[in-house]
Amino acid sequence: MFYVSVIDGPRYGLLLGPFAQHEQALALVEAVSKKANELDPRAWFYAFGTCKAQGTEPGRLNSLFPDVFFPLDSV
């Protein structure tokens, strides 16, 4: 599974995902970066990209992208 990820020195996070295809995560890096900058002014200094990870835990910002991910309780 693929995620939009963030790195800040030794810290990292899985922000959006999981996606089955790497291209899906790549297409959203800029949007996630912009949203992170709105939420935290320090985000300008973070590195945003993609990563491959095992598991299916939801990204930390999934709820802020309802056009990509929808809450499970709305199904």
C-alpha atoms as a PDB file:
ATOM      1  CA  MET A   1       0.000   0.000   0.000  1.00  0.00           C
ATOM      2  CA  PHE A   2       1.156   3.557  -0.716  1.00  0.00           C
ATOM      3  CA  TYR A   3       0.814   6.738   1.321  1.00  0.00           C
ATOM      4  CA  VAL A   4       1.507  10.440   1.047  1.00  0.00           C
ATOM      5  CA  SER A   5       4.143  10.853   3.733  1.00  0.00           C
ATOM      6  CA  VAL A   6       5.927  13.590   5.619  1.00  0.00           C
ATOM      7  CA  ILE A   7       9.416  13.750   7.142  1.00  0.00           C
ATOM      8  CA  ASP A   8      10.667  16.254   9.709  1.00  0.00           C
ATOM      9  CA  GLY A   9      14.163  15.289  10.774  1.00  0.00           C
ATOM     10  CA  PRO A  10      13.882  11.938  12.565  1.00  0.00           C
ATOM     11  CA  ARG A  11      10.064  12.106  12.670  1.00  0.00           C
ATOM     12  CA  TYR A  12       7.789  10.837   9.909  1.00  0.00           C
ATOM     13  CA  GLY A  13       4.090  10.351   9.327  1.00  0.00           C
ATOM     14  CA  LEU A  14       1.633   8.694   6.970  1.00  0.00           C
ATOM     15  CA  LEU A  15      -0.698  11.531   6.044  1.00  0.00           C
ATOM     16  CA  LEU A  16      -2.989  10.219   3.315  1.00  0.00           C
ATOM     17  CA  GLY A  17      -3.734   6.692   2.242  1.00  0.00           C
ATOM     18  CA  PRO A  18      -3.528   3.818   1.828  1.00  0.00           C
ATOM     19  CA  PHE A  19      -3.644   3.659  -1.944  1.00  0.00           C
ATOM     20  CA  ALA A  20      -3.290   0.538  -4.068  1.00  0.00           C
ATOM     21  CA  GLN A  21      -1.288   2.370  -6.749  1.00  0.00           C
ATOM     22  CA  HIS A  22       1.764   4.577  -6.246  1.00  0.00           C
ATOM     23  CA  GLU A  23       0.467   7.026  -8.848  1.00  0.00           C
ATOM     24  CA  GLN A  24      -2.599   7.724  -6.704  1.00  0.00           C
ATOM     25  CA  ALA A  25      -0.419   8.859  -3.804  1.00  0.00           C
ATOM     26  CA  LEU A  26       1.927  10.843  -6.072  1.00  0.00           C
ATOM     27  CA  ALA A  27      -0.999  12.784  -7.507  1.00  0.00           C
ATOM     28  CA  LEU A  28      -1.967  14.061  -4.036  1.00  0.00           C
ATOM     29  CA  VAL A  29       1.406  15.123  -2.592  1.00  0.00           C
ATOM     30  CA  GLU A  30       0.943  18.793  -3.474  1.00  0.00           C
ATOM     31  CA  ALA A  31      -2.617  18.947  -2.097  1.00  0.00           C
ATOM     32  CA  VAL A  32      -1.533  17.310   1.168  1.00  0.00           C
ATOM     33  CA  SER A  33       1.419  19.679   1.469  1.00  0.00           C
ATOM     34  CA  LYS A  34      -0.882  22.690   1.024  1.00  0.00           C
ATOM     35  CA  LYS A  35      -3.342  21.368   3.618  1.00  0.00           C
ATOM     36  CA  ALA A  36      -0.525  20.686   6.096  1.00  0.00           C
ATOM     37  CA  ASN A  37       0.748  24.246   5.630  1.00  0.00           C
ATOM     38  CA  GLU A  38      -2.731  25.584   6.405  1.00  0.00           C
ATOM     39  CA  LEU A  39      -2.839  23.549   9.619  1.00  0.00           C
ATOM     40  CA  ASP A  40       0.731  24.077  10.820  1.00  0.00           C
ATOM     41  CA  PRO A  41       2.991  26.975   9.750  1.00  0.00           C
ATOM     42  CA  ARG A  42       6.054  24.844  10.513  1.00  0.00           C
ATOM     43  CA  ALA A  43       5.035  22.453   7.712  1.00  0.00           C
ATOM     44  CA  TRP A  44       6.885  24.652   5.201  1.00  0.00           C
ATOM     45  CA  PHE A  45      10.054  23.063   6.548  1.00  0.00           C
ATOM     46  CA  TYR A  46       8.850  19.458   6.206  1.00  0.00           C
ATOM     47  CA  ALA A  47       9.582  17.115   3.305  1.00  0.00           C
ATOM     48  CA  PHE A  48       6.489  15.647   1.625  1.00  0.00           C
ATOM     49  CA  GLY A  49       6.524  12.645  -0.679  1.00  0.00           C
ATOM     50  CA  THR A  50       5.273   9.086  -0.901  1.00  0.00           C
ATOM     51  CA  CYS A  51       6.201   5.789   0.657  1.00  0.00           C
ATOM     52  CA  LYS A  52       5.243   2.152   0.535  1.00  0.00           C
ATOM     53  CA  ALA A  53       4.154   0.605   3.836  1.00  0.00           C
ATOM     54  CA  GLN A  54       2.649  -2.651   4.994  1.00  0.00           C
ATOM     55  CA  GLY A  55      -0.720  -2.525   6.633  1.00  0.00           C
ATOM     56  CA  THR A  56      -3.877  -0.575   5.982  1.00  0.00           C
ATOM     57  CA  GLU A  57      -4.027   2.025   8.744  1.00  0.00           C
ATOM     58  CA  PRO A  58      -5.696   5.255   7.580  1.00  0.00           C
ATOM     59  CA  GLY A  59      -3.590   8.324   6.955  1.00  0.00           C
ATOM     60  CA  ARG A  60      -3.755  11.050   9.589  1.00  0.00           C
ATOM     61  CA  LEU A  61      -5.331  13.560   7.184  1.00  0.00           C
ATOM     62  CA  ASN A  62      -7.798  11.220   5.437  1.00  0.00           C
ATOM     63  CA  SER A  63     -10.787  12.936   7.068  1.00  0.00           C
ATOM     64  CA  LEU A  64      -9.718  16.267   5.537  1.00  0.00           C
ATOM     65  CA  PHE A  65      -9.964  14.872   2.015  1.00  0.00           C
ATOM     66  CA  PRO A  66     -13.597  13.686   1.774  1.00  0.00           C
ATOM     67  CA  ASP A  67     -13.439  13.650  -2.027  1.00  0.00           C
ATOM     68  CA  VAL A  68     -10.740  10.957  -1.761  1.00  0.00           C
ATOM     69  CA  PHE A  69     -11.782   9.115   1.416  1.00  0.00           C
ATOM     70  CA  PHE A  70     -15.220   8.950   2.981  1.00  0.00           C
ATOM     71  CA  PRO A  71     -16.008   8.111   6.609  1.00  0.00           C
ATOM     72  CA  LEU A  72     -16.951   4.479   7.137  1.00  0.00           C
ATOM     73  CA  ASP A  73     -20.104   5.479   9.000  1.00  0.00           C
ATOM     74  CA  SER A  74     -21.499   7.153   5.862  1.00  0.00           C
ATOM     75  CA  VAL A  75     -21.671   3.842   3.963  1.00  0.00           C
END
